[in-house]
């Protein structure tokens, strides 16, 4: 079970959401990324199919794939697993797992743990864990075909899947193949969304060349095998292979009308082999070997510059886990369960480019020991008033990293059930996240040089600081060379209930979380969520805003030469700027350890079902309400409140559903709401409207006992039924962001899909 090393027990003191195969397919989405984006606890920022060149507040974001971003703490703050095993990361930094490699057709369920879990899984499980569990018990053959379009012919997609499964007395086997293809969506298809202009304010070459959504083709294969070798010894193996290609056209960084075409191909595989043995009546041992690889190849073609550059990255992850599980003591309330284990893991990463050769190269070795104990203090048989159950769990893990030393992470959980159907829980955990392996070997420090007078004119500071007229302004990006590990502490408190009243059954949970993420890697936060270019002028008005050295004014010749020597690439001189007289070096966009990120909020999940004269009725709601979200660059600088501002989490995200099933008919409707917010915290900020969309899903399963319609299912779904446009937001040319917020909305519009499946 996700969230625990103990066998045969659920992590009931942690907030765990489990989505079945029916939940996933019934949502009407086509890909795993789309399903994760429907969860209110996940923030759409970071890397996704809507992001191209990063975000103003997240240089690590990009278009290398789609990541999970629980609690808005970055893709690297959520651990993504496949059948409980790690996957090799992707991107230019190796900082997240690409969801697009996991085929929908192969999923049995998705587990979402919104609690720090480094005590169980090690690093990266700061905000939580998402575990994609594959099907392994299907018998027969299942063919699925799906076709979708926005109804205007602007975008079309197809998904075809074929599954074969077989079972015998001592085991089973399953194989699933899936093919997915999607055309691109351009700005010309969505003229209501403002287009980015090329640097210098001139119009781009044409909005028909700017992709809001890239074209994509993917082929995936999943195989699984389970075999009982003896009554006490079991063997299992799982394999995943995925090949993906996408083409994305964007406005280039420089040059009026420059169109850059990014042609990406990726191949990935994951292999897992496991053996489990019953060593005694009370104890078992399991050994798991896991291998995973991700390779990306990206061609960037600039039409204006007439250049074609290749960048490649290769990421490997190999691990071996041994876990002992058993009972150590029998208490009146039940057995005390114990798990003890160890892990060895090796990670490798290399990125290289046709222009500069090797850009990043790193290797990491990890050794870990861990343990977990579950103690039932009071059970229902003890008949104590007000206490049906009282249980405690304690887990701990020690990881030794070859590049960052040793980290120890504990977790304690308490569960109290005062009456049947009601459980109160609390947990405290500490987590550890090392810098992404690509950041360890990073050598991509770069600088863009602009005339200071031009920058001040664009930002509205013309004439206010004449001492910088005639000087150059340097924007410095890259990764600091003295990164430290990231740490966090998480406290959760909540209640789970399951009650039957009359013919209706109520289930749900309420969860409060308080999370402090210290030393988080990121760029220096700017007050009012303003662009990074404002930093020097804000600092001139308030010298306490940023840590020392973040901005350097009027550097000496020695200081300038030292800075230039630290760059891995020659500085990019634009609009006539030179290095003769440098007035400002702005390094707020350099990735470094920040003092802290803090967030706290509430999750509410409720479900109701009951039979009615017209069928089985189900109602549901999933809401995330964020009470606070802030960042602090250093202990000497003020907190920056970024909640409900552009490209950041908003305070309220809700998904409400209603469904009815009668005979072979099943229908569901979903209401999605993202609250309104501001572009920043300044007095003249822009208001961004709330966004509400409606999704519907209708299916019919033929009830014939024989013939062509036996086990045949037809489904129709509509995403964004009312064709609600994404709220208007500012355009950001530097990051090639069109006039909407890709972290909190989608440009897709109404999307209709029809799906047909047949079991033979």
Foldseek 3Di string as FASTA:
>chain_A
DPQDPAPPDDPVQFDKDKFFLCNQVQVVDFFPLVSLVQFQQWFQFAEALQFDCHDLFFRRGHDFAGATQGNNQYRLLEFEEEQNHHAFADDLQSRHHHRRLDGSVFFGMKMWTQDQRCLPVNASQARHYIYTYGDWDDAFKKWKKKKKDLVPPQKIKIKIKIKHKDADDFKIKIKMKMKMWMAFHWCVNVVVWFFFWAPPPARALDRVQATSGWTKIKIKMKMKIKGDPDPFKIKIKIKMKMKMWIWGWFHDQHDGRKIKIKIKIKIKMKMKIKMKGDPDPFKIKMKMKIKMKMKMWIWIAIPVVRDIKIKIKIKIKIKMKMKMKGFDDADPQGTKIKMKMKMKMKMWMWMAMPPQGTFFTFIKIKIKIKMKIKAWPDDCVVPDQQFHTKIKMKMKMWMQMPVAGIDIKIKIKIWTDRDPFKIKMKMKIKHKHARRRRLQGGAAKAKAKDQPQVLCVVVVNHPVCCVSHPAIAIEIEEADNDAHIKMKMKIKIKMWGWDDDDQKIKTKMKMKMKMKIFQRWTFAQDAQNDRLSCVVVVCVVPVQAADPPQKDAFDDPVRVVVVCVSHPDHYHYPDPHDNPTHGMYHNRNHIHGAGIKIWIWMWIKMKMWGADPQFIKIKIKIKIFIPFIWTGRYPRHDIHGDEQAFSGHHGIWMKIKIWGDDAQKIKMKIKIKGQKGWNTDDPPTHTWHIDIFMKMKIKGQDDDPDDPRHRKMKMKIKTRVVQDAATFADQDNSSRRIGHRSRRDGRSTIMIMMMMMHGD
